[in-house]
Amino acid sequence: MSPILSKKAKVALAVGTIILLESEKKKKRVWVKEWLQKREQFTHLRLLKCIQSCEPLDVINYLRMDYDAFQELLMLVKPLIEKKNTLFREAVSVEERLLATLRFLATGRSYEDLKFSCIISPQLLGRIIPETCRAIYNCLRKKYLCFPSKEEEWLKVAEGFNNMWQFENCLGAVDR
């Protein structure tokens, strides 16, 4: 081995060491933001429980359903959306999953905005909300989302809507 090659090898080794040390100095990203780890303390689940005990009528405005309907829906979707805790992190509870989904559907807020009230990252909300919507759909579709199959059934729906709202040739409305 020539002495020149040896010097080049030493320089390469020194440069490699410097690069390695510089990369170690870079601030590492955190796995979970600190405030997101405090979900138990700040989540809207606590707010819901407070509203339920202090002002039960406000629950309807908050959830767009009464508390009993929320509990019934929770029991229906629970087996479909429940996750297990791991050694690394605690799973988002079924109640929080359903509540985040209902708030999303009720307000139309973005995941980025919703993260502040439910203390769940937008990335996780992007998985939770569609999954919970599918579970709600699968649980309720046979009972509530069945469409009339015959003309007479459609006419009966239109007649019922006309009797209730005096609005002819209409089959229904969105929201209540």
N, C-alpha and C. Protein backbone atom coordinates (compact mmCIF):
# COMPACT_ATOMS: atom_id res chain seq x y z
N MET A 1 0.85 -1.18 0.00
CA MET A 1 0.00 0.00 0.00
C MET A 1 0.89 1.24 0.00
N SER A 2 0.64 2.14 -0.90
CA SER A 2 1.48 3.33 -1.00
C SER A 2 1.09 4.35 0.07
N PRO A 3 2.06 5.19 0.47
CA PRO A 3 1.78 6.19 1.50
C PRO A 3 0.71 7.21 1.06
N ILE A 4 0.59 7.48 -0.25
CA ILE A 4 -0.42 8.42 -0.74
C ILE A 4 -1.82 7.85 -0.53
N LEU A 5 -1.98 6.58 -0.84
CA LEU A 5 -3.26 5.91 -0.65
C LEU A 5 -3.64 5.90 0.83
N SER A 6 -2.65 5.73 1.64
CA SER A 6 -2.89 5.71 3.07
C SER A 6 -3.39 7.08 3.55
N LYS A 7 -2.81 8.15 3.00
CA LYS A 7 -3.26 9.50 3.37
C LYS A 7 -4.70 9.73 2.90
N LYS A 8 -5.02 9.26 1.67
CA LYS A 8 -6.38 9.40 1.16
C LYS A 8 -7.38 8.63 2.02
N ALA A 9 -6.96 7.46 2.47
CA ALA A 9 -7.84 6.66 3.32
C ALA A 9 -8.08 7.37 4.65
N LYS A 10 -7.00 7.99 5.18
CA LYS A 10 -7.15 8.73 6.45
C LYS A 10 -8.08 9.93 6.29
N VAL A 11 -7.93 10.64 5.17
CA VAL A 11 -8.78 11.80 4.92
C VAL A 11 -10.24 11.36 4.78
N ALA A 12 -10.46 10.28 4.03
CA ALA A 12 -11.82 9.76 3.85
C ALA A 12 -12.41 9.35 5.19
N LEU A 13 -11.60 8.72 6.02
CA LEU A 13 -12.06 8.30 7.35
C LEU A 13 -12.42 9.51 8.21
N ALA A 14 -11.57 10.56 8.14
CA ALA A 14 -11.83 11.77 8.92
C ALA A 14 -13.11 12.46 8.43
N VAL A 15 -13.27 12.56 7.12
CA VAL A 15 -14.47 13.19 6.56
C VAL A 15 -15.72 12.40 6.95
N GLY A 16 -15.64 11.09 6.86
CA GLY A 16 -16.76 10.23 7.25
C GLY A 16 -17.12 10.41 8.71
N THR A 17 -16.11 10.52 9.56
CA THR A 17 -16.35 10.72 10.99
C THR A 17 -17.03 12.07 11.25
N ILE A 18 -16.56 13.11 10.56
CA ILE A 18 -17.16 14.44 10.73
C ILE A 18 -18.62 14.42 10.29
N ILE A 19 -18.90 13.81 9.16
CA ILE A 19 -20.28 13.72 8.66
C ILE A 19 -21.16 12.98 9.66
N LEU A 20 -20.64 11.90 10.20
CA LEU A 20 -21.39 11.11 11.18
C LEU A 20 -21.69 11.93 12.43
N LEU A 21 -20.70 12.66 12.91
CA LEU A 21 -20.90 13.48 14.11
C LEU A 21 -21.89 14.61 13.85
N GLU A 22 -21.83 15.23 12.67
CA GLU A 22 -22.77 16.30 12.33
C GLU A 22 -24.20 15.78 12.26
N SER A 23 -24.38 14.59 11.70
CA SER A 23 -25.74 14.05 11.58
C SER A 23 -26.32 13.70 12.95
N GLU A 24 -25.47 13.34 13.89
CA GLU A 24 -25.95 13.03 15.24
C GLU A 24 -26.39 14.29 15.98
N LYS A 25 -25.86 15.45 15.59
CA LYS A 25 -26.21 16.70 16.26
C LYS A 25 -27.60 17.19 15.87
N LYS A 26 -28.12 16.75 14.72
CA LYS A 26 -29.43 17.20 14.28
C LYS A 26 -30.49 16.77 15.29
N LYS A 27 -31.42 17.67 15.52
CA LYS A 27 -32.48 17.39 16.48
C LYS A 27 -33.38 16.28 15.94
N LYS A 28 -33.58 15.29 16.75
CA LYS A 28 -34.42 14.17 16.34
C LYS A 28 -35.89 14.54 16.53
N ARG A 29 -36.72 14.06 15.60
CA ARG A 29 -38.16 14.31 15.70
C ARG A 29 -38.75 13.42 16.79
N VAL A 30 -39.73 13.96 17.46
CA VAL A 30 -40.39 13.17 18.50
C VAL A 30 -41.39 12.22 17.86
N TRP A 31 -41.61 11.10 18.51
CA TRP A 31 -42.52 10.08 18.00
C TRP A 31 -43.96 10.57 18.09
N VAL A 32 -44.30 11.15 19.25
CA VAL A 32 -45.64 11.70 19.47
C VAL A 32 -45.46 13.05 20.17
N LYS A 33 -46.15 14.06 19.69
CA LYS A 33 -46.05 15.37 20.32
C LYS A 33 -46.52 15.27 21.76
N GLU A 34 -45.87 16.05 22.61
CA GLU A 34 -46.15 15.96 24.05
C GLU A 34 -47.61 16.22 24.38
N TRP A 35 -48.20 17.22 23.77
CA TRP A 35 -49.59 17.55 24.09
C TRP A 35 -50.55 16.47 23.61
N LEU A 36 -50.18 15.72 22.57
CA LEU A 36 -51.03 14.62 22.12
C LEU A 36 -50.99 13.44 23.09
N GLN A 37 -49.92 13.37 23.87
CA GLN A 37 -49.82 12.30 24.86
C GLN A 37 -50.74 12.56 26.06
N LYS A 38 -51.28 13.76 26.14
CA LYS A 38 -52.15 14.12 27.27
C LYS A 38 -53.62 14.03 26.88
N ARG A 39 -53.96 13.12 25.97
CA ARG A 39 -55.33 12.96 25.49
C ARG A 39 -56.29 12.74 26.64
N GLU A 40 -55.90 11.90 27.58
CA GLU A 40 -56.76 11.58 28.73
C GLU A 40 -57.18 12.85 29.47
N GLN A 41 -56.28 13.81 29.52
CA GLN A 41 -56.52 15.04 30.29
C GLN A 41 -57.35 16.06 29.52
N PHE A 42 -57.16 16.16 28.19
CA PHE A 42 -57.75 17.26 27.43
C PHE A 42 -58.83 16.86 26.43
N THR A 43 -59.11 15.61 26.27
CA THR A 43 -60.01 15.18 25.20
C THR A 43 -61.44 15.67 25.36
N HIS A 44 -62.17 15.69 24.25
CA HIS A 44 -63.57 16.12 24.29
C HIS A 44 -64.46 15.06 24.92
N LEU A 45 -63.94 13.89 25.21
CA LEU A 45 -64.71 12.88 25.93
C LEU A 45 -65.02 13.37 27.35
N ARG A 46 -64.06 14.04 27.95
CA ARG A 46 -64.29 14.64 29.27
C ARG A 46 -65.34 15.74 29.18
N LEU A 47 -65.25 16.52 28.12
CA LEU A 47 -66.23 17.59 27.92
C LEU A 47 -67.63 17.01 27.77
N LEU A 48 -67.76 15.93 27.01
CA LEU A 48 -69.07 15.30 26.82
C LEU A 48 -69.63 14.82 28.16
N LYS A 49 -68.81 14.22 28.99
CA LYS A 49 -69.28 13.73 30.29
C LYS A 49 -69.73 14.90 31.17
N CYS A 50 -69.01 16.01 31.08
CA CYS A 50 -69.39 17.20 31.85
C CYS A 50 -70.71 17.77 31.34
N ILE A 51 -70.85 17.86 30.02
CA ILE A 51 -72.10 18.36 29.44
C ILE A 51 -73.26 17.45 29.83
N GLN A 52 -73.03 16.15 29.78
CA GLN A 52 -74.08 15.18 30.12
C GLN A 52 -74.55 15.36 31.55
N SER A 53 -73.63 15.60 32.46
CA SER A 53 -74.03 15.72 33.87
C SER A 53 -74.56 17.12 34.20
N CYS A 54 -74.06 18.16 33.55
CA CYS A 54 -74.47 19.53 33.88
C CYS A 54 -75.63 20.05 33.03
N GLU A 55 -75.55 19.84 31.73
CA GLU A 55 -76.54 20.37 30.79
C GLU A 55 -76.93 19.29 29.78
N PRO A 56 -77.73 18.31 30.18
CA PRO A 56 -78.04 17.18 29.30
C PRO A 56 -78.63 17.56 27.94
N LEU A 57 -79.37 18.67 27.87
CA LEU A 57 -79.96 19.07 26.60
C LEU A 57 -78.91 19.56 25.60
N ASP A 58 -77.77 20.02 26.09
CA ASP A 58 -76.70 20.47 25.20
C ASP A 58 -76.00 19.30 24.49
N VAL A 59 -76.18 18.10 25.01
CA VAL A 59 -75.59 16.92 24.37
C VAL A 59 -76.14 16.77 22.96
N ILE A 60 -77.42 17.05 22.79
CA ILE A 60 -78.05 16.92 21.47
C ILE A 60 -77.39 17.88 20.48
N ASN A 61 -77.10 19.08 20.91
CA ASN A 61 -76.43 20.04 20.04
C ASN A 61 -74.99 19.61 19.74
N TYR A 62 -74.33 19.04 20.73
CA TYR A 62 -72.93 18.64 20.59
C TYR A 62 -72.78 17.42 19.69
N LEU A 63 -73.64 16.42 19.87
CA LEU A 63 -73.52 15.16 19.13
C LEU A 63 -74.48 15.04 17.95
N ARG A 64 -75.47 15.91 17.90
CA ARG A 64 -76.57 15.80 16.93
C ARG A 64 -77.42 14.56 17.20
N MET A 65 -77.40 14.12 18.45
CA MET A 65 -78.23 13.01 18.93
C MET A 65 -78.22 13.05 20.44
N ASP A 66 -79.20 12.41 21.08
CA ASP A 66 -79.20 12.40 22.54
C ASP A 66 -78.19 11.36 23.05
N TYR A 67 -77.91 11.44 24.34
CA TYR A 67 -76.87 10.60 24.92
C TYR A 67 -77.22 9.12 24.84
N ASP A 68 -78.51 8.79 24.98
CA ASP A 68 -78.93 7.39 24.88
C ASP A 68 -78.69 6.84 23.48
N ALA A 69 -78.96 7.65 22.47
CA ALA A 69 -78.71 7.23 21.08
C ALA A 69 -77.21 7.03 20.86
N PHE A 70 -76.40 7.92 21.46
CA PHE A 70 -74.94 7.77 21.37
C PHE A 70 -74.50 6.45 21.99
N GLN A 71 -75.04 6.13 23.17
CA GLN A 71 -74.67 4.88 23.84
C GLN A 71 -75.11 3.67 23.03
N GLU A 72 -76.29 3.75 22.42
CA GLU A 72 -76.79 2.64 21.60
C GLU A 72 -75.90 2.44 20.37
N LEU A 73 -75.55 3.54 19.71
CA LEU A 73 -74.66 3.47 18.55
C LEU A 73 -73.29 2.94 18.96
N LEU A 74 -72.82 3.36 20.11
CA LEU A 74 -71.54 2.90 20.63
C LEU A 74 -71.53 1.38 20.81
N MET A 75 -72.60 0.83 21.36
CA MET A 75 -72.68 -0.62 21.55
C MET A 75 -72.71 -1.36 20.21
N LEU A 76 -73.33 -0.76 19.21
CA LEU A 76 -73.40 -1.41 17.89
C LEU A 76 -72.04 -1.45 17.20
N VAL A 77 -71.30 -0.33 17.25
CA VAL A 77 -70.03 -0.27 16.50
C VAL A 77 -68.83 -0.75 17.29
N LYS A 78 -68.97 -0.90 18.59
CA LYS A 78 -67.84 -1.27 19.44
C LYS A 78 -67.06 -2.49 18.94
N PRO A 79 -67.72 -3.60 18.61
CA PRO A 79 -66.93 -4.76 18.17
C PRO A 79 -66.17 -4.52 16.86
N LEU A 80 -66.63 -3.57 16.07
CA LEU A 80 -66.01 -3.33 14.77
C LEU A 80 -64.84 -2.35 14.82
N ILE A 81 -64.80 -1.49 15.83
CA ILE A 81 -63.76 -0.45 15.85
C ILE A 81 -62.84 -0.52 17.07
N GLU A 82 -63.08 -1.47 17.95
CA GLU A 82 -62.27 -1.56 19.16
C GLU A 82 -60.86 -2.04 18.82
N LYS A 83 -59.86 -1.39 19.39
CA LYS A 83 -58.46 -1.75 19.19
C LYS A 83 -57.84 -2.12 20.53
N LYS A 84 -56.78 -2.91 20.47
CA LYS A 84 -56.11 -3.34 21.69
C LYS A 84 -54.89 -2.46 21.96
N ASN A 85 -54.59 -2.28 23.24
CA ASN A 85 -53.38 -1.57 23.63
C ASN A 85 -52.17 -2.43 23.29
N THR A 86 -51.05 -1.77 23.02
CA THR A 86 -49.80 -2.48 22.77
C THR A 86 -48.81 -2.10 23.86
N LEU A 87 -47.65 -2.70 23.80
CA LEU A 87 -46.61 -2.35 24.76
C LEU A 87 -46.11 -0.92 24.52
N PHE A 88 -46.24 -0.43 23.29
CA PHE A 88 -45.70 0.87 22.94
C PHE A 88 -46.67 2.02 23.17
N ARG A 89 -47.97 1.77 23.00
CA ARG A 89 -48.92 2.87 23.15
C ARG A 89 -50.31 2.35 23.50
N GLU A 90 -51.07 3.26 24.10
CA GLU A 90 -52.45 2.95 24.46
C GLU A 90 -53.35 3.26 23.26
N ALA A 91 -54.25 2.35 22.97
CA ALA A 91 -55.15 2.54 21.83
C ALA A 91 -56.16 3.65 22.12
N VAL A 92 -56.62 4.29 21.07
CA VAL A 92 -57.69 5.29 21.19
C VAL A 92 -58.97 4.52 21.51
N SER A 93 -59.65 4.93 22.57
CA SER A 93 -60.83 4.19 23.02
C SER A 93 -61.96 4.25 21.99
N VAL A 94 -62.87 3.31 22.10
CA VAL A 94 -64.03 3.25 21.20
C VAL A 94 -64.85 4.52 21.32
N GLU A 95 -65.03 5.01 22.54
CA GLU A 95 -65.80 6.23 22.76
C GLU A 95 -65.16 7.41 22.04
N GLU A 96 -63.83 7.53 22.16
CA GLU A 96 -63.13 8.64 21.50
C GLU A 96 -63.21 8.52 19.98
N ARG A 97 -63.12 7.30 19.47
CA ARG A 97 -63.21 7.08 18.02
C ARG A 97 -64.58 7.52 17.50
N LEU A 98 -65.63 7.08 18.19
CA LEU A 98 -66.98 7.43 17.76
C LEU A 98 -67.24 8.92 17.92
N LEU A 99 -66.81 9.48 19.02
CA LEU A 99 -67.03 10.91 19.28
C LEU A 99 -66.29 11.77 18.25
N ALA A 100 -65.06 11.42 17.93
CA ALA A 100 -64.31 12.17 16.91
C ALA A 100 -65.02 12.10 15.56
N THR A 101 -65.54 10.93 15.23
CA THR A 101 -66.25 10.75 13.96
C THR A 101 -67.54 11.57 13.94
N LEU A 102 -68.29 11.53 15.02
CA LEU A 102 -69.55 12.28 15.07
C LEU A 102 -69.30 13.79 15.02
N ARG A 103 -68.25 14.26 15.68
CA ARG A 103 -67.91 15.69 15.62
C ARG A 103 -67.48 16.07 14.21
N PHE A 104 -66.74 15.19 13.54
CA PHE A 104 -66.33 15.44 12.16
C PHE A 104 -67.56 15.55 11.26
N LEU A 105 -68.48 14.60 11.42
CA LEU A 105 -69.69 14.60 10.59
C LEU A 105 -70.60 15.78 10.91
N ALA A 106 -70.65 16.17 12.19
CA ALA A 106 -71.54 17.26 12.61
C ALA A 106 -71.00 18.63 12.21
N THR A 107 -69.68 18.79 12.24
CA THR A 107 -69.10 20.12 12.02
C THR A 107 -68.45 20.29 10.65
N GLY A 108 -68.00 19.20 10.05
CA GLY A 108 -67.29 19.29 8.77
C GLY A 108 -65.89 19.86 8.92
N ARG A 109 -65.38 19.92 10.13
CA ARG A 109 -64.04 20.45 10.36
C ARG A 109 -62.99 19.54 9.75
N SER A 110 -61.84 20.10 9.42
CA SER A 110 -60.75 19.31 8.85
C SER A 110 -60.09 18.48 9.96
N TYR A 111 -59.37 17.45 9.56
CA TYR A 111 -58.64 16.63 10.54
C TYR A 111 -57.63 17.50 11.29
N GLU A 112 -57.00 18.40 10.57
CA GLU A 112 -56.00 19.28 11.17
C GLU A 112 -56.63 20.15 12.26
N ASP A 113 -57.84 20.62 12.04
CA ASP A 113 -58.55 21.43 13.03
C ASP A 113 -59.12 20.57 14.15
N LEU A 114 -59.63 19.42 13.79
CA LEU A 114 -60.27 18.52 14.75
C LEU A 114 -59.27 17.96 15.77
N LYS A 115 -58.00 17.90 15.39
CA LYS A 115 -56.99 17.33 16.29
C LYS A 115 -56.90 18.09 17.61
N PHE A 116 -57.23 19.37 17.59
CA PHE A 116 -57.12 20.16 18.81
C PHE A 116 -58.23 19.87 19.81
N SER A 117 -59.39 19.46 19.35
CA SER A 117 -60.48 19.19 20.29
C SER A 117 -60.50 17.74 20.73
N CYS A 118 -60.05 16.83 19.88
CA CYS A 118 -60.10 15.42 20.29
C CYS A 118 -58.72 14.89 20.68
N ILE A 119 -57.69 15.68 20.53
CA ILE A 119 -56.33 15.33 20.92
C ILE A 119 -55.90 14.01 20.27
N ILE A 120 -56.12 13.93 18.98
CA ILE A 120 -55.69 12.78 18.17
C ILE A 120 -55.03 13.37 16.93
N SER A 121 -53.91 12.82 16.52
CA SER A 121 -53.18 13.37 15.37
C SER A 121 -54.03 13.29 14.10
N PRO A 122 -53.83 14.21 13.17
CA PRO A 122 -54.61 14.19 11.93
C PRO A 122 -54.39 12.90 11.12
N GLN A 123 -53.18 12.36 11.20
CA GLN A 123 -52.90 11.11 10.48
C GLN A 123 -53.76 9.97 11.03
N LEU A 124 -53.86 9.91 12.35
CA LEU A 124 -54.67 8.86 12.97
C LEU A 124 -56.16 9.12 12.73
N LEU A 125 -56.57 10.37 12.77
CA LEU A 125 -57.97 10.70 12.46
C LEU A 125 -58.31 10.26 11.04
N GLY A 126 -57.34 10.36 10.14
CA GLY A 126 -57.54 9.94 8.76
C GLY A 126 -57.77 8.45 8.62
N ARG A 127 -57.39 7.69 9.63
CA ARG A 127 -57.68 6.24 9.63
C ARG A 127 -58.93 5.94 10.46
N ILE A 128 -59.07 6.62 11.59
CA ILE A 128 -60.18 6.36 12.51
C ILE A 128 -61.53 6.73 11.90
N ILE A 129 -61.65 7.91 11.33
CA ILE A 129 -62.95 8.40 10.87
C ILE A 129 -63.52 7.55 9.73
N PRO A 130 -62.76 7.25 8.67
CA PRO A 130 -63.33 6.37 7.64
C PRO A 130 -63.68 4.98 8.17
N GLU A 131 -62.85 4.45 9.04
CA GLU A 131 -63.12 3.13 9.62
C GLU A 131 -64.40 3.14 10.45
N THR A 132 -64.59 4.18 11.24
CA THR A 132 -65.79 4.30 12.07
C THR A 132 -67.03 4.55 11.21
N CYS A 133 -66.89 5.34 10.16
CA CYS A 133 -68.02 5.56 9.24
C CYS A 133 -68.44 4.26 8.58
N ARG A 134 -67.48 3.43 8.18
CA ARG A 134 -67.81 2.12 7.60
C ARG A 134 -68.54 1.26 8.61
N ALA A 135 -68.08 1.29 9.87
CA ALA A 135 -68.73 0.50 10.92
C ALA A 135 -70.16 0.98 11.16
N ILE A 136 -70.36 2.29 11.21
CA ILE A 136 -71.71 2.84 11.39
C ILE A 136 -72.60 2.42 10.23
N TYR A 137 -72.09 2.55 9.03
CA TYR A 137 -72.86 2.17 7.84
C TYR A 137 -73.23 0.69 7.89
N ASN A 138 -72.26 -0.16 8.20
CA ASN A 138 -72.54 -1.60 8.24
C ASN A 138 -73.53 -1.97 9.32
N CYS A 139 -73.52 -1.26 10.43
CA CYS A 139 -74.45 -1.56 11.53
C CYS A 139 -75.87 -1.04 11.26
N LEU A 140 -75.98 0.08 10.59
CA LEU A 140 -77.28 0.74 10.45
C LEU A 140 -77.94 0.60 9.08
N ARG A 141 -77.21 0.12 8.10
CA ARG A 141 -77.74 0.15 6.73
C ARG A 141 -79.01 -0.67 6.54
N LYS A 142 -79.11 -1.83 7.15
CA LYS A 142 -80.29 -2.67 6.92
C LYS A 142 -81.54 -2.09 7.56
N LYS A 143 -81.37 -1.41 8.69
CA LYS A 143 -82.53 -0.86 9.39
C LYS A 143 -82.92 0.53 8.89
N TYR A 144 -81.94 1.39 8.64
CA TYR A 144 -82.24 2.78 8.34
C TYR A 144 -81.97 3.20 6.91
N LEU A 145 -81.19 2.45 6.17
CA LEU A 145 -80.83 2.87 4.82
C LEU A 145 -81.42 1.97 3.75
N CYS A 146 -82.57 1.40 4.04
CA CYS A 146 -83.22 0.56 3.03
C CYS A 146 -84.12 1.47 2.19
N PHE A 147 -83.99 1.34 0.91
CA PHE A 147 -84.77 2.16 -0.01
C PHE A 147 -85.99 1.39 -0.49
N PRO A 148 -87.06 2.10 -0.74
CA PRO A 148 -88.24 1.44 -1.29
C PRO A 148 -87.89 0.78 -2.63
N SER A 149 -88.49 -0.36 -2.87
CA SER A 149 -88.18 -1.08 -4.11
C SER A 149 -89.31 -0.97 -5.13
N LYS A 150 -90.48 -0.56 -4.70
CA LYS A 150 -91.63 -0.47 -5.60
C LYS A 150 -92.13 0.97 -5.66
N GLU A 151 -92.81 1.28 -6.73
CA GLU A 151 -93.33 2.64 -6.92
C GLU A 151 -94.29 3.03 -5.81
N GLU A 152 -95.12 2.09 -5.37
CA GLU A 152 -96.08 2.38 -4.30
C GLU A 152 -95.37 2.78 -3.01
N GLU A 153 -94.24 2.12 -2.73
CA GLU A 153 -93.48 2.44 -1.52
C GLU A 153 -92.90 3.86 -1.61
N TRP A 154 -92.40 4.25 -2.78
CA TRP A 154 -91.88 5.60 -2.98
C TRP A 154 -93.00 6.63 -2.81
N LEU A 155 -94.16 6.33 -3.34
CA LEU A 155 -95.29 7.26 -3.22
C LEU A 155 -95.72 7.42 -1.76
N LYS A 156 -95.64 6.34 -1.00
CA LYS A 156 -95.98 6.38 0.42
C LYS A 156 -94.99 7.27 1.18
N VAL A 157 -93.70 7.17 0.83
CA VAL A 157 -92.69 8.02 1.46
C VAL A 157 -92.96 9.49 1.13
N ALA A 158 -93.24 9.77 -0.14
CA ALA A 158 -93.53 11.15 -0.56
C ALA A 158 -94.77 11.69 0.14
N GLU A 159 -95.78 10.85 0.28
CA GLU A 159 -97.02 11.26 0.96
C GLU A 159 -96.75 11.58 2.43
N GLY A 160 -95.96 10.74 3.09
CA GLY A 160 -95.61 10.99 4.49
C GLY A 160 -94.84 12.29 4.65
N PHE A 161 -93.92 12.55 3.73
CA PHE A 161 -93.15 13.80 3.80
C PHE A 161 -94.06 15.00 3.54
N ASN A 162 -94.98 14.86 2.60
CA ASN A 162 -95.92 15.95 2.30
C ASN A 162 -96.84 16.21 3.50
N ASN A 163 -97.31 15.16 4.15
CA ASN A 163 -98.18 15.32 5.32
C ASN A 163 -97.46 16.03 6.46
N MET A 164 -96.19 15.71 6.64
CA MET A 164 -95.46 16.29 7.75
C MET A 164 -95.00 17.72 7.45
N TRP A 165 -94.51 17.98 6.24
CA TRP A 165 -93.88 19.26 5.94
C TRP A 165 -94.62 20.09 4.88
N GLN A 166 -95.71 19.57 4.34
CA GLN A 166 -96.45 20.26 3.29
C GLN A 166 -95.51 20.65 2.13
N PHE A 167 -94.72 19.66 1.72
CA PHE A 167 -93.77 19.87 0.64
C PHE A 167 -93.96 18.73 -0.35
N GLU A 168 -94.61 19.02 -1.46
CA GLU A 168 -94.98 17.97 -2.42
C GLU A 168 -93.79 17.47 -3.22
N ASN A 169 -93.93 16.24 -3.72
CA ASN A 169 -92.95 15.62 -4.60
C ASN A 169 -91.54 15.56 -4.01
N CYS A 170 -91.47 15.40 -2.71
CA CYS A 170 -90.18 15.30 -2.04
C CYS A 170 -90.15 14.00 -1.26
N LEU A 171 -88.97 13.37 -1.25
CA LEU A 171 -88.84 12.07 -0.59
C LEU A 171 -88.10 12.13 0.73
N GLY A 172 -87.57 13.28 1.09
CA GLY A 172 -86.85 13.37 2.35
C GLY A 172 -85.95 14.59 2.39
N ALA A 173 -85.21 14.70 3.48
CA ALA A 173 -84.29 15.82 3.67
C ALA A 173 -83.08 15.33 4.45
N VAL A 174 -81.99 16.05 4.30
CA VAL A 174 -80.77 15.74 5.03
C VAL A 174 -80.76 16.58 6.30
N ASP A 175 -80.35 15.99 7.42
CA ASP A 175 -80.31 16.60 8.75
C ASP A 175 -81.73 16.69 9.28
N ARG A 176 -81.86 17.05 10.52
CA ARG A 176 -83.20 17.09 11.07
C ARG A 176 -83.56 18.44 11.58
